[in-house]
Amino acid sequence: MPWTPERYPASMKHLAPAVREKAVEIANALLAEGHPEGQAIRIAIARAKEWAEHRGLAPYDSA
């Protein structure tokens, strides 16, 4: 099931909004490629964190 920035897996709730949006985008692409849901979530979070670090963004919400 595709996710949105408003509806996403619970494991993404502590990510900063921009990083969460990127993780959702990556997870949806992985699902489309046929990855299992759990694997897609784990890979997407890891890749979104890398994406954030390369851009000097904090990966987690500071609140």
N, C-alpha and C. Protein backbone atom coordinates (compact mmCIF):
# COMPACT_ATOMS: atom_id res chain seq x y z
N MET A 1 0.84 -1.17 0.00
CA MET A 1 0.00 0.00 0.00
C MET A 1 0.90 1.25 0.00
N PRO A 2 0.67 2.15 -0.92
CA PRO A 2 1.50 3.36 -0.96
C PRO A 2 1.21 4.27 0.24
N TRP A 3 2.26 4.94 0.68
CA TRP A 3 2.15 5.86 1.80
C TRP A 3 2.19 7.29 1.27
N THR A 4 1.83 8.22 2.14
CA THR A 4 1.86 9.65 1.81
C THR A 4 2.58 10.36 2.97
N PRO A 5 2.94 11.63 2.78
CA PRO A 5 3.55 12.38 3.88
C PRO A 5 2.62 12.51 5.09
N GLU A 6 1.33 12.38 4.89
CA GLU A 6 0.37 12.45 6.00
C GLU A 6 0.07 11.07 6.58
N ARG A 7 0.24 10.02 5.82
CA ARG A 7 -0.04 8.65 6.23
C ARG A 7 1.18 7.81 5.93
N TYR A 8 1.91 7.46 6.96
CA TYR A 8 3.20 6.78 6.79
C TYR A 8 3.37 5.75 7.90
N PRO A 9 4.33 4.85 7.76
CA PRO A 9 4.56 3.84 8.80
C PRO A 9 4.98 4.48 10.12
N ALA A 10 4.58 3.88 11.22
CA ALA A 10 4.89 4.41 12.55
C ALA A 10 6.39 4.55 12.77
N SER A 11 7.18 3.71 12.15
CA SER A 11 8.63 3.77 12.34
C SER A 11 9.25 5.03 11.74
N MET A 12 8.48 5.79 10.98
CA MET A 12 8.98 7.03 10.38
C MET A 12 8.55 8.28 11.15
N LYS A 13 7.81 8.09 12.26
CA LYS A 13 7.23 9.25 12.95
C LYS A 13 8.25 10.19 13.58
N HIS A 14 9.44 9.71 13.92
CA HIS A 14 10.44 10.58 14.55
C HIS A 14 11.38 11.25 13.54
N LEU A 15 11.21 10.95 12.27
CA LEU A 15 12.04 11.60 11.25
C LEU A 15 11.59 13.04 11.06
N ALA A 16 12.52 13.90 10.72
CA ALA A 16 12.18 15.29 10.38
C ALA A 16 11.24 15.25 9.17
N PRO A 17 10.33 16.21 9.05
CA PRO A 17 9.35 16.18 7.96
C PRO A 17 9.94 15.99 6.56
N ALA A 18 10.99 16.71 6.22
CA ALA A 18 11.57 16.57 4.87
C ALA A 18 12.18 15.19 4.68
N VAL A 19 12.78 14.66 5.73
CA VAL A 19 13.40 13.33 5.67
C VAL A 19 12.31 12.26 5.59
N ARG A 20 11.23 12.45 6.33
CA ARG A 20 10.10 11.52 6.27
C ARG A 20 9.50 11.50 4.86
N GLU A 21 9.36 12.67 4.28
CA GLU A 21 8.80 12.74 2.92
C GLU A 21 9.69 11.98 1.94
N LYS A 22 11.01 12.12 2.08
CA LYS A 22 11.94 11.40 1.22
C LYS A 22 11.84 9.89 1.48
N ALA A 23 11.73 9.50 2.75
CA ALA A 23 11.61 8.08 3.10
C ALA A 23 10.33 7.48 2.50
N VAL A 24 9.25 8.22 2.54
CA VAL A 24 7.99 7.75 1.96
C VAL A 24 8.16 7.56 0.45
N GLU A 25 8.79 8.52 -0.19
CA GLU A 25 9.05 8.44 -1.63
C GLU A 25 9.88 7.20 -1.97
N ILE A 26 10.94 6.98 -1.22
CA ILE A 26 11.81 5.83 -1.46
C ILE A 26 11.07 4.52 -1.18
N ALA A 27 10.33 4.46 -0.06
CA ALA A 27 9.60 3.25 0.29
C ALA A 27 8.57 2.89 -0.79
N ASN A 28 7.86 3.88 -1.29
CA ASN A 28 6.89 3.62 -2.35
C ASN A 28 7.56 3.08 -3.61
N ALA A 29 8.73 3.62 -3.95
CA ALA A 29 9.47 3.13 -5.12
C ALA A 29 9.92 1.69 -4.90
N LEU A 30 10.37 1.38 -3.70
CA LEU A 30 10.80 0.01 -3.40
C LEU A 30 9.63 -0.96 -3.46
N LEU A 31 8.48 -0.54 -2.96
CA LEU A 31 7.29 -1.38 -3.05
C LEU A 31 6.92 -1.66 -4.51
N ALA A 32 7.02 -0.62 -5.33
CA ALA A 32 6.71 -0.77 -6.76
C ALA A 32 7.66 -1.75 -7.44
N GLU A 33 8.89 -1.85 -6.90
CA GLU A 33 9.87 -2.78 -7.44
C GLU A 33 9.66 -4.20 -6.92
N GLY A 34 8.73 -4.36 -5.97
CA GLY A 34 8.42 -5.69 -5.47
C GLY A 34 9.05 -6.07 -4.14
N HIS A 35 9.66 -5.11 -3.46
CA HIS A 35 10.24 -5.40 -2.15
C HIS A 35 9.13 -5.62 -1.12
N PRO A 36 9.34 -6.50 -0.16
CA PRO A 36 8.35 -6.66 0.92
C PRO A 36 8.24 -5.37 1.72
N GLU A 37 7.09 -5.14 2.32
CA GLU A 37 6.82 -3.89 3.02
C GLU A 37 7.85 -3.58 4.12
N GLY A 38 8.13 -4.54 4.98
CA GLY A 38 9.08 -4.31 6.07
C GLY A 38 10.47 -3.95 5.57
N GLN A 39 10.90 -4.65 4.55
CA GLN A 39 12.22 -4.37 3.97
C GLN A 39 12.23 -2.99 3.32
N ALA A 40 11.17 -2.64 2.63
CA ALA A 40 11.08 -1.34 1.98
C ALA A 40 11.16 -0.22 3.01
N ILE A 41 10.52 -0.40 4.14
CA ILE A 41 10.54 0.64 5.18
C ILE A 41 11.95 0.80 5.73
N ARG A 42 12.60 -0.30 6.07
CA ARG A 42 13.95 -0.23 6.65
C ARG A 42 14.94 0.41 5.68
N ILE A 43 14.90 -0.01 4.43
CA ILE A 43 15.82 0.54 3.43
C ILE A 43 15.53 2.03 3.21
N ALA A 44 14.25 2.38 3.13
CA ALA A 44 13.87 3.78 2.87
C ALA A 44 14.33 4.69 3.99
N ILE A 45 14.20 4.27 5.24
CA ILE A 45 14.64 5.10 6.35
C ILE A 45 16.15 5.29 6.29
N ALA A 46 16.89 4.22 6.05
CA ALA A 46 18.36 4.32 5.98
C ALA A 46 18.79 5.25 4.84
N ARG A 47 18.17 5.09 3.68
CA ARG A 47 18.54 5.93 2.53
C ARG A 47 18.14 7.39 2.74
N ALA A 48 17.00 7.62 3.37
CA ALA A 48 16.55 8.99 3.63
C ALA A 48 17.48 9.68 4.63
N LYS A 49 17.96 8.93 5.62
CA LYS A 49 18.93 9.50 6.56
C LYS A 49 20.22 9.89 5.84
N GLU A 50 20.69 9.03 4.94
CA GLU A 50 21.88 9.35 4.15
C GLU A 50 21.63 10.59 3.30
N TRP A 51 20.49 10.65 2.68
CA TRP A 51 20.11 11.79 1.85
C TRP A 51 20.18 13.08 2.68
N ALA A 52 19.63 13.03 3.91
CA ALA A 52 19.63 14.20 4.79
C ALA A 52 21.05 14.60 5.18
N GLU A 53 21.86 13.63 5.53
CA GLU A 53 23.23 13.92 5.95
C GLU A 53 24.04 14.57 4.83
N HIS A 54 23.83 14.12 3.61
CA HIS A 54 24.54 14.71 2.47
C HIS A 54 24.11 16.15 2.21
N ARG A 55 22.95 16.52 2.73
CA ARG A 55 22.44 17.88 2.54
C ARG A 55 22.55 18.73 3.80
N GLY A 56 23.20 18.18 4.82
CA GLY A 56 23.39 18.92 6.06
C GLY A 56 22.13 19.08 6.87
N LEU A 57 21.17 18.20 6.68
CA LEU A 57 19.91 18.26 7.41
C LEU A 57 19.94 17.30 8.59
N ALA A 58 19.26 17.65 9.65
CA ALA A 58 19.13 16.74 10.78
C ALA A 58 18.10 15.67 10.42
N PRO A 59 18.43 14.40 10.56
CA PRO A 59 17.50 13.35 10.16
C PRO A 59 16.29 13.20 11.06
N TYR A 60 16.42 13.62 12.33
CA TYR A 60 15.30 13.45 13.28
C TYR A 60 14.67 14.76 13.64
N ASP A 61 13.40 14.68 13.96
CA ASP A 61 12.63 15.84 14.40
C ASP A 61 13.21 16.30 15.74
N SER A 62 13.45 17.57 15.91
CA SER A 62 14.05 18.07 17.14
C SER A 62 13.02 18.32 18.24
N ALA A 63 11.78 18.14 17.93
CA ALA A 63 10.72 18.40 18.93
C ALA A 63 10.57 17.28 19.91
